[in-house]
C-alpha atoms as a PDB file:
ATOM      1  CA  MET A   1      68.596  24.155 146.731  1.00  0.00           C
ATOM      2  CA  THR A   2      65.035  24.868 146.335  1.00  0.00           C
ATOM      3  CA  ASN A   3      64.045  27.043 143.541  1.00  0.00           C
ATOM      4  CA  ALA A   4      63.259  29.865 144.884  1.00  0.00           C
ATOM      5  CA  GLU A   5      66.765  29.643 146.890  1.00  0.00           C
ATOM      6  CA  ILE A   6      68.040  29.257 143.377  1.00  0.00           C
ATOM      7  CA  ALA A   7      66.440  32.549 142.091  1.00  0.00           C
ATOM      8  CA  ALA A   8      67.264  34.573 145.086  1.00  0.00           C
ATOM      9  CA  VAL A   9      70.947  33.397 144.187  1.00  0.00           C
ATOM     10  CA  PHE A  10      70.603  35.076 140.182  1.00  0.00           C
ATOM     11  CA  ASP A  11      69.142  38.219 141.868  1.00  0.00           C
ATOM     12  CA  ASP A  12      71.689  38.641 143.845  1.00  0.00           C
ATOM     13  CA  ILE A  13      74.080  38.654 140.988  1.00  0.00           C
ATOM     14  CA  ALA A  14      72.220  40.766 138.744  1.00  0.00           C
ATOM     15  CA  GLU A  15      72.143  42.971 141.595  1.00  0.00           C
ATOM     16  CA  MET A  16      75.673  43.010 142.389  1.00  0.00           C
ATOM     17  CA  LEU A  17      76.378  43.502 138.907  1.00  0.00           C
ATOM     18  CA  ARG A  18      74.071  46.022 138.625  1.00  0.00           C
ATOM     19  CA  LEU A  19      76.102  47.708 140.898  1.00  0.00           C
ATOM     20  CA  LYS A  20      79.472  47.560 139.409  1.00  0.00           C
ATOM     21  CA  LYS A  21      77.820  48.982 136.172  1.00  0.00           C
ATOM     22  CA  ASP A  22      77.956  45.497 134.065  1.00  0.00           C
ATOM     23  CA  ASN A  23      76.553  45.093 130.792  1.00  0.00           C
ATOM     24  CA  ILE A  24      72.520  45.791 130.788  1.00  0.00           C
ATOM     25  CA  PHE A  25      71.655  42.508 128.910  1.00  0.00           C
ATOM     26  CA  LYS A  26      73.926  40.396 130.950  1.00  0.00           C
ATOM     27  CA  ILE A  27      71.679  41.948 134.337  1.00  0.00           C
ATOM     28  CA  ARG A  28      68.089  41.802 132.383  1.00  0.00           C
ATOM     29  CA  ALA A  29      69.170  37.642 131.678  1.00  0.00           C
ATOM     30  CA  TYR A  30      70.189  37.013 135.443  1.00  0.00           C
ATOM     31  CA  GLN A  31      66.660  39.239 136.071  1.00  0.00           C
ATOM     32  CA  LYS A  32      65.274  36.564 133.492  1.00  0.00           C
ATOM     33  CA  VAL A  33      66.284  33.939 134.436  1.00  0.00           C
ATOM     34  CA  ALA A  34      65.465  34.392 138.158  1.00  0.00           C
ATOM     35  CA  ARG A  35      62.076  35.271 136.869  1.00  0.00           C
ATOM     36  CA  GLY A  36      61.466  31.884 135.380  1.00  0.00           C
ATOM     37  CA  ILE A  37      62.610  29.802 137.619  1.00  0.00           C
ATOM     38  CA  GLU A  38      60.342  31.300 140.253  1.00  0.00           C
ATOM     39  CA  GLU A  39      57.615  30.394 137.881  1.00  0.00           C
ATOM     40  CA  LEU A  40      58.879  26.804 137.478  1.00  0.00           C
ATOM     41  CA  LYS A  41      56.108  24.312 138.731  1.00  0.00           C
ATOM     42  CA  VAL A  42      58.948  21.419 139.026  1.00  0.00           C
ATOM     43  CA  PRO A  43      61.961  21.800 140.996  1.00  0.00           C
ATOM     44  CA  VAL A  44      65.228  23.331 139.021  1.00  0.00           C
ATOM     45  CA  ALA A  45      66.765  19.926 139.905  1.00  0.00           C
ATOM     46  CA  ARG A  46      64.420  17.863 137.730  1.00  0.00           C
ATOM     47  CA  LEU A  47      65.251  20.023 135.013  1.00  0.00           C
ATOM     48  CA  VAL A  48      69.018  19.727 135.686  1.00  0.00           C
ATOM     49  CA  ALA A  49      68.632  16.229 136.121  1.00  0.00           C
ATOM     50  CA  GLU A  50      66.653  15.766 133.064  1.00  0.00           C
ATOM     51  CA  LYS A  51      69.145  18.361 131.351  1.00  0.00           C
ATOM     52  CA  ARG A  52      66.192  20.049 130.582  1.00  0.00           C
ATOM     53  CA  LEU A  53      67.487  23.754 131.633  1.00  0.00           C
ATOM     54  CA  ASP A  54      66.721  24.955 128.467  1.00  0.00           C
ATOM     55  CA  GLU A  55      63.164  25.152 129.077  1.00  0.00           C
ATOM     56  CA  ILE A  56      63.174  27.764 131.108  1.00  0.00           C
ATOM     57  CA  PRO A  57      63.391  31.571 129.469  1.00  0.00           C
ATOM     58  CA  GLY A  58      66.866  33.169 129.569  1.00  0.00           C
ATOM     59  CA  VAL A  59      68.631  30.324 129.671  1.00  0.00           C
ATOM     60  CA  GLY A  60      72.440  29.890 127.531  1.00  0.00           C
ATOM     61  CA  GLU A  61      74.971  27.596 127.511  1.00  0.00           C
ATOM     62  CA  ALA A  62      77.052  29.799 130.676  1.00  0.00           C
ATOM     63  CA  ILE A  63      73.927  30.186 132.738  1.00  0.00           C
ATOM     64  CA  ASN A  64      72.503  26.592 132.450  1.00  0.00           C
ATOM     65  CA  LYS A  65      76.416  25.543 133.443  1.00  0.00           C
ATOM     66  CA  LYS A  66      75.891  28.101 136.630  1.00  0.00           C
ATOM     67  CA  ILE A  67      72.537  26.640 137.385  1.00  0.00           C
ATOM     68  CA  THR A  68      73.509  23.287 137.224  1.00  0.00           C
ATOM     69  CA  GLU A  69      76.608  23.875 140.037  1.00  0.00           C
ATOM     70  CA  LEU A  70      74.288  25.812 142.017  1.00  0.00           C
ATOM     71  CA  ALA A  71      71.458  23.097 142.056  1.00  0.00           C
ATOM     72  CA  THR A  72      74.344  20.062 142.194  1.00  0.00           C
ATOM     73  CA  THR A  73      76.578  21.217 144.944  1.00  0.00           C
ATOM     74  CA  GLY A  74      74.510  24.176 147.153  1.00  0.00           C
ATOM     75  CA  ARG A  75      76.982  26.905 145.801  1.00  0.00           C
ATOM     76  CA  LEU A  76      77.674  28.859 142.494  1.00  0.00           C
ATOM     77  CA  ASP A  77      81.808  30.066 142.493  1.00  0.00           C
ATOM     78  CA  TYR A  78      80.939  32.505 140.738  1.00  0.00           C
ATOM     79  CA  TYR A  79      77.947  34.212 142.554  1.00  0.00           C
ATOM     80  CA  GLU A  80      81.109  33.742 145.693  1.00  0.00           C
ATOM     81  CA  ARG A  81      83.416  35.729 144.034  1.00  0.00           C
ATOM     82  CA  LEU A  82      80.595  38.607 143.111  1.00  0.00           C
ATOM     83  CA  LYS A  83      80.362  38.471 146.971  1.00  0.00           C
ATOM     84  CA  ALA A  84      83.589  39.183 147.946  1.00  0.00           C
ATOM     85  CA  GLU A  85      83.730  42.061 145.781  1.00  0.00           C
ATOM     86  CA  PHE A  86      81.207  43.880 148.183  1.00  0.00           C
ATOM     87  CA  PRO A  87      81.841  42.687 151.984  1.00  0.00           C
ATOM     88  CA  GLU A  88      79.928  45.775 153.067  1.00  0.00           C
ATOM     89  CA  ARG A  89      77.354  44.734 151.152  1.00  0.00           C
ATOM     90  CA  THR A  90      74.599  43.488 153.170  1.00  0.00           C
ATOM     91  CA  ARG A  91      72.752  40.144 152.234  1.00  0.00           C
ATOM     92  CA  GLY A  92      69.978  37.880 152.789  1.00  0.00           C
ATOM     93  CA  VAL A  93      71.099  34.971 150.274  1.00  0.00           C
ATOM     94  CA  ALA A  94      73.110  32.239 150.973  1.00  0.00           C
END
């Protein structure tokens, strides 16, 4: 997946968490990570391979695992479960 695609997933996660009225700090963490990924000069996959995801602002252990799963498999179980909670929502993200 490209950096833009990965960032879009994290933006979409933040939006769905906002709709669920989840913790604002959690929402902001996903937004911050999305911005950080968009600004990267190297592919996220390289940072995953080199175990350097902690260089992205806002990446902690939980988000590190999510980025790794998404970059290596092309899907994220957490994202799929969130999307299932919003069947009526139109999404432009994979």
